[in-house]
All heavy atoms as atom14 arrays in JSON, in Angstrom:
{
  "sequence": "QPGGSLRLSCAASGISFRLYAMDWYRQAPGVQRELV",
  "atom14_mask": [
    [1, 1, 1, 1, 1, 1, 1, 1, 1, 0, 0, 0, 0, 0],
    [1, 1, 1, 1, 1, 1, 1, 0, 0, 0, 0, 0, 0, 0],
    [1, 1, 1, 1, 0, 0, 0, 0, 0, 0, 0, 0, 0, 0],
    [1, 1, 1, 1, 0, 0, 0, 0, 0, 0, 0, 0, 0, 0],
    [1, 1, 1, 1, 1, 1, 0, 0, 0, 0, 0, 0, 0, 0],
    [1, 1, 1, 1, 1, 1, 1, 1, 0, 0, 0, 0, 0, 0],
    [1, 1, 1, 1, 1, 1, 1, 1, 1, 1, 1, 0, 0, 0],
    [1, 1, 1, 1, 1, 1, 1, 1, 0, 0, 0, 0, 0, 0],
    [1, 1, 1, 1, 1, 1, 0, 0, 0, 0, 0, 0, 0, 0],
    [1, 1, 1, 1, 1, 1, 0, 0, 0, 0, 0, 0, 0, 0],
    [1, 1, 1, 1, 1, 0, 0, 0, 0, 0, 0, 0, 0, 0],
    [1, 1, 1, 1, 1, 0, 0, 0, 0, 0, 0, 0, 0, 0],
    [1, 1, 1, 1, 1, 1, 0, 0, 0, 0, 0, 0, 0, 0],
    [1, 1, 1, 1, 0, 0, 0, 0, 0, 0, 0, 0, 0, 0],
    [1, 1, 1, 1, 1, 1, 1, 1, 0, 0, 0, 0, 0, 0],
    [1, 1, 1, 1, 1, 1, 0, 0, 0, 0, 0, 0, 0, 0],
    [1, 1, 1, 1, 1, 1, 1, 1, 1, 1, 1, 0, 0, 0],
    [1, 1, 1, 1, 1, 1, 1, 1, 1, 1, 1, 0, 0, 0],
    [1, 1, 1, 1, 1, 1, 1, 1, 0, 0, 0, 0, 0, 0],
    [1, 1, 1, 1, 1, 1, 1, 1, 1, 1, 1, 1, 0, 0],
    [1, 1, 1, 1, 1, 0, 0, 0, 0, 0, 0, 0, 0, 0],
    [1, 1, 1, 1, 1, 1, 1, 1, 0, 0, 0, 0, 0, 0],
    [1, 1, 1, 1, 1, 1, 1, 1, 0, 0, 0, 0, 0, 0],
    [1, 1, 1, 1, 1, 1, 1, 1, 1, 1, 1, 1, 1, 1],
    [1, 1, 1, 1, 1, 1, 1, 1, 1, 1, 1, 1, 0, 0],
    [1, 1, 1, 1, 1, 1, 1, 1, 1, 1, 1, 0, 0, 0],
    [1, 1, 1, 1, 1, 1, 1, 1, 1, 0, 0, 0, 0, 0],
    [1, 1, 1, 1, 1, 0, 0, 0, 0, 0, 0, 0, 0, 0],
    [1, 1, 1, 1, 1, 1, 1, 0, 0, 0, 0, 0, 0, 0],
    [1, 1, 1, 1, 0, 0, 0, 0, 0, 0, 0, 0, 0, 0],
    [1, 1, 1, 1, 1, 1, 1, 0, 0, 0, 0, 0, 0, 0],
    [1, 1, 1, 1, 1, 1, 1, 1, 1, 0, 0, 0, 0, 0],
    [1, 1, 1, 1, 1, 1, 1, 1, 1, 1, 1, 0, 0, 0],
    [1, 1, 1, 1, 1, 1, 1, 1, 1, 0, 0, 0, 0, 0],
    [1, 1, 1, 1, 1, 1, 1, 1, 0, 0, 0, 0, 0, 0],
    [1, 1, 1, 1, 1, 1, 1, 0, 0, 0, 0, 0, 0, 0]
  ],
  "atom14_positions": [
    [[-14.71, -10.09, -6.58], [-15.92, -9.53, -7.15], [-16.26, -8.21, -6.48], [-15.87, -7.98, -5.32], [-17.08, -10.51, -6.98], [-16.94, -11.77, -7.79], [-18.18, -12.64, -7.72], [-19.01, -12.51, -6.82], [-18.32, -13.54, -8.7], [0.0, 0.0, 0.0], [0.0, 0.0, 0.0], [0.0, 0.0, 0.0], [0.0, 0.0, 0.0], [0.0, 0.0, 0.0]],
    [[-16.99, -7.35, -7.17], [-17.44, -6.11, -6.54], [-18.19, -6.4, -5.24], [-19.0, -7.35, -5.18], [-18.36, -5.5, -7.6], [-17.83, -6.03, -8.89], [-17.36, -7.42, -8.59], [0.0, 0.0, 0.0], [0.0, 0.0, 0.0], [0.0, 0.0, 0.0], [0.0, 0.0, 0.0], [0.0, 0.0, 0.0], [0.0, 0.0, 0.0], [0.0, 0.0, 0.0]],
    [[-17.89, -5.59, -4.22], [-18.47, -5.8, -2.91], [-17.66, -6.7, -2.01], [-17.95, -6.81, -0.81], [0.0, 0.0, 0.0], [0.0, 0.0, 0.0], [0.0, 0.0, 0.0], [0.0, 0.0, 0.0], [0.0, 0.0, 0.0], [0.0, 0.0, 0.0], [0.0, 0.0, 0.0], [0.0, 0.0, 0.0], [0.0, 0.0, 0.0], [0.0, 0.0, 0.0]],
    [[-16.65, -7.32, -2.56], [-15.81, -8.24, -1.8], [-14.73, -7.52, -0.99], [-14.66, -6.28, -0.97], [0.0, 0.0, 0.0], [0.0, 0.0, 0.0], [0.0, 0.0, 0.0], [0.0, 0.0, 0.0], [0.0, 0.0, 0.0], [0.0, 0.0, 0.0], [0.0, 0.0, 0.0], [0.0, 0.0, 0.0], [0.0, 0.0, 0.0], [0.0, 0.0, 0.0]],
    [[-13.9, -8.32, -0.35], [-12.85, -7.8, 0.53], [-11.51, -8.45, 0.23], [-11.46, -9.61, -0.23], [-13.2, -8.06, 2.0], [-14.38, -7.4, 2.38], [0.0, 0.0, 0.0], [0.0, 0.0, 0.0], [0.0, 0.0, 0.0], [0.0, 0.0, 0.0], [0.0, 0.0, 0.0], [0.0, 0.0, 0.0], [0.0, 0.0, 0.0], [0.0, 0.0, 0.0]],
    [[-10.45, -7.71, 0.5], [-9.09, -8.23, 0.46], [-8.3, -7.57, 1.57], [-8.6, -6.44, 1.98], [-8.41, -7.92, -0.88], [-8.79, -8.72, -2.11], [-8.11, -8.14, -3.34], [-8.42, -10.18, -1.96], [0.0, 0.0, 0.0], [0.0, 0.0, 0.0], [0.0, 0.0, 0.0], [0.0, 0.0, 0.0], [0.0, 0.0, 0.0], [0.0, 0.0, 0.0]],
    [[-7.28, -8.26, 2.04], [-6.37, -7.69, 3.03], [-4.95, -7.76, 2.47], [-4.43, -8.86, 2.24], [-6.43, -8.45, 4.35], [-5.65, -7.77, 5.48], [-5.47, -8.72, 6.64], [-5.06, -8.05, 7.86], [-4.42, -8.68, 8.86], [-4.15, -9.95, 8.77], [-4.08, -8.0, 9.95], [0.0, 0.0, 0.0], [0.0, 0.0, 0.0], [0.0, 0.0, 0.0]],
    [[-4.37, -6.61, 2.26], [-2.99, -6.53, 1.79], [-2.05, -6.45, 2.99], [-2.36, -5.85, 4.01], [-2.79, -5.3, 0.91], [-3.75, -5.14, -0.28], [-3.34, -3.92, -1.09], [-3.78, -6.37, -1.14], [0.0, 0.0, 0.0], [0.0, 0.0, 0.0], [0.0, 0.0, 0.0], [0.0, 0.0, 0.0], [0.0, 0.0, 0.0], [0.0, 0.0, 0.0]],
    [[-0.87, -7.05, 2.82], [0.17, -6.99, 3.83], [1.45, -6.48, 3.18], [1.7, -6.73, 2.0], [0.43, -8.36, 4.44], [-0.72, -8.87, 5.07], [0.0, 0.0, 0.0], [0.0, 0.0, 0.0], [0.0, 0.0, 0.0], [0.0, 0.0, 0.0], [0.0, 0.0, 0.0], [0.0, 0.0, 0.0], [0.0, 0.0, 0.0], [0.0, 0.0, 0.0]],
    [[2.26, -5.8, 3.98], [3.57, -5.34, 3.51], [4.55, -5.58, 4.65], [4.46, -4.92, 5.7], [3.53, -3.88, 3.13], [5.14, -3.14, 2.79], [0.0, 0.0, 0.0], [0.0, 0.0, 0.0], [0.0, 0.0, 0.0], [0.0, 0.0, 0.0], [0.0, 0.0, 0.0], [0.0, 0.0, 0.0], [0.0, 0.0, 0.0], [0.0, 0.0, 0.0]],
    [[5.45, -6.53, 4.44], [6.45, -6.87, 5.44], [7.75, -6.15, 5.13], [8.27, -6.26, 4.01], [6.66, -8.37, 5.47], [0.0, 0.0, 0.0], [0.0, 0.0, 0.0], [0.0, 0.0, 0.0], [0.0, 0.0, 0.0], [0.0, 0.0, 0.0], [0.0, 0.0, 0.0], [0.0, 0.0, 0.0], [0.0, 0.0, 0.0], [0.0, 0.0, 0.0]],
    [[8.26, -5.43, 6.11], [9.48, -4.64, 5.94], [10.65, -5.3, 6.64], [10.49, -5.91, 7.7], [9.28, -3.24, 6.5], [0.0, 0.0, 0.0], [0.0, 0.0, 0.0], [0.0, 0.0, 0.0], [0.0, 0.0, 0.0], [0.0, 0.0, 0.0], [0.0, 0.0, 0.0], [0.0, 0.0, 0.0], [0.0, 0.0, 0.0], [0.0, 0.0, 0.0]],
    [[11.83, -5.17, 6.04], [13.06, -5.63, 6.66], [14.17, -4.65, 6.31], [14.1, -3.94, 5.31], [13.41, -7.05, 6.21], [13.58, -7.1, 4.81], [0.0, 0.0, 0.0], [0.0, 0.0, 0.0], [0.0, 0.0, 0.0], [0.0, 0.0, 0.0], [0.0, 0.0, 0.0], [0.0, 0.0, 0.0], [0.0, 0.0, 0.0], [0.0, 0.0, 0.0]],
    [[15.19, -4.62, 7.18], [16.34, -3.77, 6.92], [16.11, -2.3, 7.26], [16.92, -1.45, 6.86], [0.0, 0.0, 0.0], [0.0, 0.0, 0.0], [0.0, 0.0, 0.0], [0.0, 0.0, 0.0], [0.0, 0.0, 0.0], [0.0, 0.0, 0.0], [0.0, 0.0, 0.0], [0.0, 0.0, 0.0], [0.0, 0.0, 0.0], [0.0, 0.0, 0.0]],
    [[15.04, -2.01, 7.98], [14.7, -0.63, 8.33], [14.09, -0.63, 9.73], [13.47, -1.62, 10.13], [13.71, -0.04, 7.3], [13.55, 1.48, 7.46], [12.38, -0.75, 7.33], [12.77, 2.14, 6.33], [0.0, 0.0, 0.0], [0.0, 0.0, 0.0], [0.0, 0.0, 0.0], [0.0, 0.0, 0.0], [0.0, 0.0, 0.0], [0.0, 0.0, 0.0]],
    [[14.29, 0.47, 10.46], [13.67, 0.61, 11.79], [12.2, 0.98, 11.6], [11.8, 2.14, 11.75], [14.41, 1.67, 12.6], [15.74, 1.28, 12.82], [0.0, 0.0, 0.0], [0.0, 0.0, 0.0], [0.0, 0.0, 0.0], [0.0, 0.0, 0.0], [0.0, 0.0, 0.0], [0.0, 0.0, 0.0], [0.0, 0.0, 0.0], [0.0, 0.0, 0.0]],
    [[11.42, -0.02, 11.29], [10.03, 0.13, 10.87], [9.24, 1.03, 11.8], [8.48, 1.9, 11.36], [9.41, -1.26, 10.78], [7.96, -1.28, 10.39], [7.59, -1.19, 9.05], [6.97, -1.42, 11.35], [6.26, -1.23, 8.69], [5.63, -1.45, 10.99], [5.27, -1.36, 9.65], [0.0, 0.0, 0.0], [0.0, 0.0, 0.0], [0.0, 0.0, 0.0]],
    [[9.4, 0.85, 13.11], [8.55, 1.54, 14.07], [8.77, 3.06, 14.07], [7.95, 3.8, 14.62], [8.8, 1.0, 15.47], [10.22, 1.19, 15.97], [10.44, 0.6, 17.34], [11.83, 0.76, 17.78], [12.29, 1.85, 18.34], [11.48, 2.88, 18.57], [13.55, 1.93, 18.71], [0.0, 0.0, 0.0], [0.0, 0.0, 0.0], [0.0, 0.0, 0.0]],
    [[9.88, 3.51, 13.49], [10.2, 4.93, 13.52], [9.51, 5.74, 12.42], [9.54, 6.98, 12.46], [11.71, 5.12, 13.39], [12.56, 4.55, 14.51], [14.04, 4.84, 14.24], [12.14, 5.08, 15.87], [0.0, 0.0, 0.0], [0.0, 0.0, 0.0], [0.0, 0.0, 0.0], [0.0, 0.0, 0.0], [0.0, 0.0, 0.0], [0.0, 0.0, 0.0]],
    [[8.9, 5.07, 11.45], [8.43, 5.77, 10.26], [6.94, 5.59, 10.01], [6.37, 4.52, 10.25], [9.2, 5.28, 9.03], [10.68, 5.46, 9.17], [11.52, 4.37, 9.33], [11.23, 6.74, 9.17], [12.88, 4.54, 9.48], [12.6, 6.92, 9.33], [13.42, 5.81, 9.49], [14.75, 5.99, 9.64], [0.0, 0.0, 0.0], [0.0, 0.0, 0.0]],
    [[6.35, 6.68, 9.49], [5.02, 6.55, 8.93], [5.08, 5.67, 7.68], [6.11, 5.6, 7.01], [4.45, 7.92, 8.57], [0.0, 0.0, 0.0], [0.0, 0.0, 0.0], [0.0, 0.0, 0.0], [0.0, 0.0, 0.0], [0.0, 0.0, 0.0], [0.0, 0.0, 0.0], [0.0, 0.0, 0.0], [0.0, 0.0, 0.0], [0.0, 0.0, 0.0]],
    [[3.97, 5.0, 7.4], [3.88, 4.1, 6.26], [2.66, 4.46, 5.42], [1.63, 4.9, 5.95], [3.76, 2.65, 6.72], [4.97, 2.12, 7.46], [6.42, 1.97, 6.4], [5.87, 0.74, 5.2], [0.0, 0.0, 0.0], [0.0, 0.0, 0.0], [0.0, 0.0, 0.0], [0.0, 0.0, 0.0], [0.0, 0.0, 0.0], [0.0, 0.0, 0.0]],
    [[2.8, 4.27, 4.12], [1.72, 4.59, 3.19], [1.36, 3.39, 2.33], [2.21, 2.53, 2.07], [2.14, 5.71, 2.22], [2.74, 6.92, 2.9], [2.09, 7.46, 3.81], [3.85, 7.32, 2.5], [0.0, 0.0, 0.0], [0.0, 0.0, 0.0], [0.0, 0.0, 0.0], [0.0, 0.0, 0.0], [0.0, 0.0, 0.0], [0.0, 0.0, 0.0]],
    [[0.14, 3.41, 1.84], [-0.27, 2.58, 0.71], [-0.63, 3.51, -0.44], [-1.42, 4.46, -0.25], [-1.47, 1.7, 1.05], [-1.14, 0.52, 1.89], [-1.29, 0.38, 3.24], [-0.63, -0.74, 1.42], [-0.89, -0.86, 3.64], [-0.47, -1.57, 2.55], [-0.28, -1.24, 0.17], [0.01, -2.88, 2.46], [0.2, -2.54, 0.07], [0.34, -3.35, 1.22]],
    [[-0.05, 3.24, -1.59], [-0.37, 3.93, -2.83], [-0.99, 2.92, -3.79], [-0.87, 1.72, -3.61], [0.89, 4.49, -3.49], [1.44, 5.76, -2.91], [2.15, 5.77, -1.72], [1.29, 6.97, -3.58], [2.68, 6.95, -1.2], [1.82, 8.16, -3.09], [2.51, 8.14, -1.89], [3.03, 9.31, -1.39], [0.0, 0.0, 0.0], [0.0, 0.0, 0.0]],
    [[-1.62, 3.45, -4.83], [-2.09, 2.57, -5.91], [-1.91, 3.27, -7.25], [-1.89, 4.51, -7.32], [-3.55, 2.17, -5.71], [-4.56, 3.3, -5.82], [-5.96, 2.78, -5.49], [-6.96, 3.85, -5.53], [-8.23, 3.7, -5.15], [-8.65, 2.51, -4.7], [-9.05, 4.71, -5.22], [0.0, 0.0, 0.0], [0.0, 0.0, 0.0], [0.0, 0.0, 0.0]],
    [[-1.79, 2.44, -8.29], [-1.63, 2.98, -9.64], [-2.4, 2.11, -10.62], [-2.11, 0.92, -10.75], [-0.16, 3.06, -10.04], [0.07, 3.77, -11.35], [1.52, 4.12, -11.56], [2.43, 3.49, -11.0], [1.78, 5.14, -12.39], [0.0, 0.0, 0.0], [0.0, 0.0, 0.0], [0.0, 0.0, 0.0], [0.0, 0.0, 0.0], [0.0, 0.0, 0.0]],
    [[-3.37, 2.73, -11.27], [-4.12, 2.06, -12.32], [-3.45, 2.37, -13.66], [-2.73, 3.37, -13.78], [-5.56, 2.54, -12.31], [0.0, 0.0, 0.0], [0.0, 0.0, 0.0], [0.0, 0.0, 0.0], [0.0, 0.0, 0.0], [0.0, 0.0, 0.0], [0.0, 0.0, 0.0], [0.0, 0.0, 0.0], [0.0, 0.0, 0.0], [0.0, 0.0, 0.0]],
    [[-3.69, 1.56, -14.68], [-3.08, 1.8, -15.99], [-3.41, 3.18, -16.52], [-4.57, 3.61, -16.51], [-3.69, 0.71, -16.87], [-4.03, -0.39, -15.92], [-4.47, 0.31, -14.66], [0.0, 0.0, 0.0], [0.0, 0.0, 0.0], [0.0, 0.0, 0.0], [0.0, 0.0, 0.0], [0.0, 0.0, 0.0], [0.0, 0.0, 0.0], [0.0, 0.0, 0.0]],
    [[-2.37, 3.92, -16.95], [-2.57, 5.23, -17.53], [-2.91, 6.32, -16.56], [-3.25, 7.44, -16.95], [0.0, 0.0, 0.0], [0.0, 0.0, 0.0], [0.0, 0.0, 0.0], [0.0, 0.0, 0.0], [0.0, 0.0, 0.0], [0.0, 0.0, 0.0], [0.0, 0.0, 0.0], [0.0, 0.0, 0.0], [0.0, 0.0, 0.0], [0.0, 0.0, 0.0]],
    [[-2.79, 6.02, -15.26], [-3.16, 6.98, -14.22], [-1.96, 7.2, -13.32], [-1.2, 6.27, -13.05], [-4.37, 6.47, -13.4], [-4.73, 7.46, -12.29], [-5.56, 6.24, -14.31], [0.0, 0.0, 0.0], [0.0, 0.0, 0.0], [0.0, 0.0, 0.0], [0.0, 0.0, 0.0], [0.0, 0.0, 0.0], [0.0, 0.0, 0.0], [0.0, 0.0, 0.0]],
    [[-1.81, 8.42, -12.82], [-0.72, 8.72, -11.9], [-0.91, 7.95, -10.59], [-2.04, 7.74, -10.13], [-0.7, 10.22, -11.62], [0.52, 10.72, -10.89], [0.59, 12.23, -10.85], [-0.29, 12.92, -11.39], [1.64, 12.77, -10.25], [0.0, 0.0, 0.0], [0.0, 0.0, 0.0], [0.0, 0.0, 0.0], [0.0, 0.0, 0.0], [0.0, 0.0, 0.0]],
    [[0.2, 7.53, -10.0], [0.15, 6.85, -8.71], [-0.47, 7.78, -7.68], [-0.12, 8.97, -7.61], [1.55, 6.43, -8.28], [1.6, 5.48, -7.11], [3.01, 4.96, -6.86], [3.49, 4.15, -7.97], [4.62, 3.43, -7.91], [5.36, 3.44, -6.82], [5.01, 2.74, -8.95], [0.0, 0.0, 0.0], [0.0, 0.0, 0.0], [0.0, 0.0, 0.0]],
    [[-1.38, 7.25, -6.86], [-2.07, 8.08, -5.87], [-1.94, 7.48, -4.48], [-1.91, 6.26, -4.3], [-3.55, 8.26, -6.22], [-4.39, 7.01, -6.16], [-5.87, 7.26, -6.32], [-6.3, 8.44, -6.35], [-6.63, 6.28, -6.4], [0.0, 0.0, 0.0], [0.0, 0.0, 0.0], [0.0, 0.0, 0.0], [0.0, 0.0, 0.0], [0.0, 0.0, 0.0]],
    [[-1.9, 8.39, -3.51], [-1.84, 8.0, -2.11], [-3.22, 7.55, -1.65], [-4.19, 8.29, -1.8], [-1.35, 9.17, -1.26], [-1.26, 8.96, 0.25], [-0.27, 7.86, 0.59], [-0.86, 10.26, 0.94], [0.0, 0.0, 0.0], [0.0, 0.0, 0.0], [0.0, 0.0, 0.0], [0.0, 0.0, 0.0], [0.0, 0.0, 0.0], [0.0, 0.0, 0.0]],
    [[-3.28, 6.38, -1.07], [-4.55, 5.81, -0.62], [-4.73, 5.99, 0.88], [-5.8, 6.39, 1.34], [-4.63, 4.32, -0.98], [-5.89, 3.67, -0.4], [-4.58, 4.13, -2.49], [0.0, 0.0, 0.0], [0.0, 0.0, 0.0], [0.0, 0.0, 0.0], [0.0, 0.0, 0.0], [0.0, 0.0, 0.0], [0.0, 0.0, 0.0], [0.0, 0.0, 0.0]]
  ]
}
């Protein structure tokens, strides 16, 4: 519901995770993907 909270997780494998910056993007219908 509006005003609520969620926690997203992204588990990586097969990559030296600690060496890289990480991003979250989002894409709504009919809208270009954007960096969050």
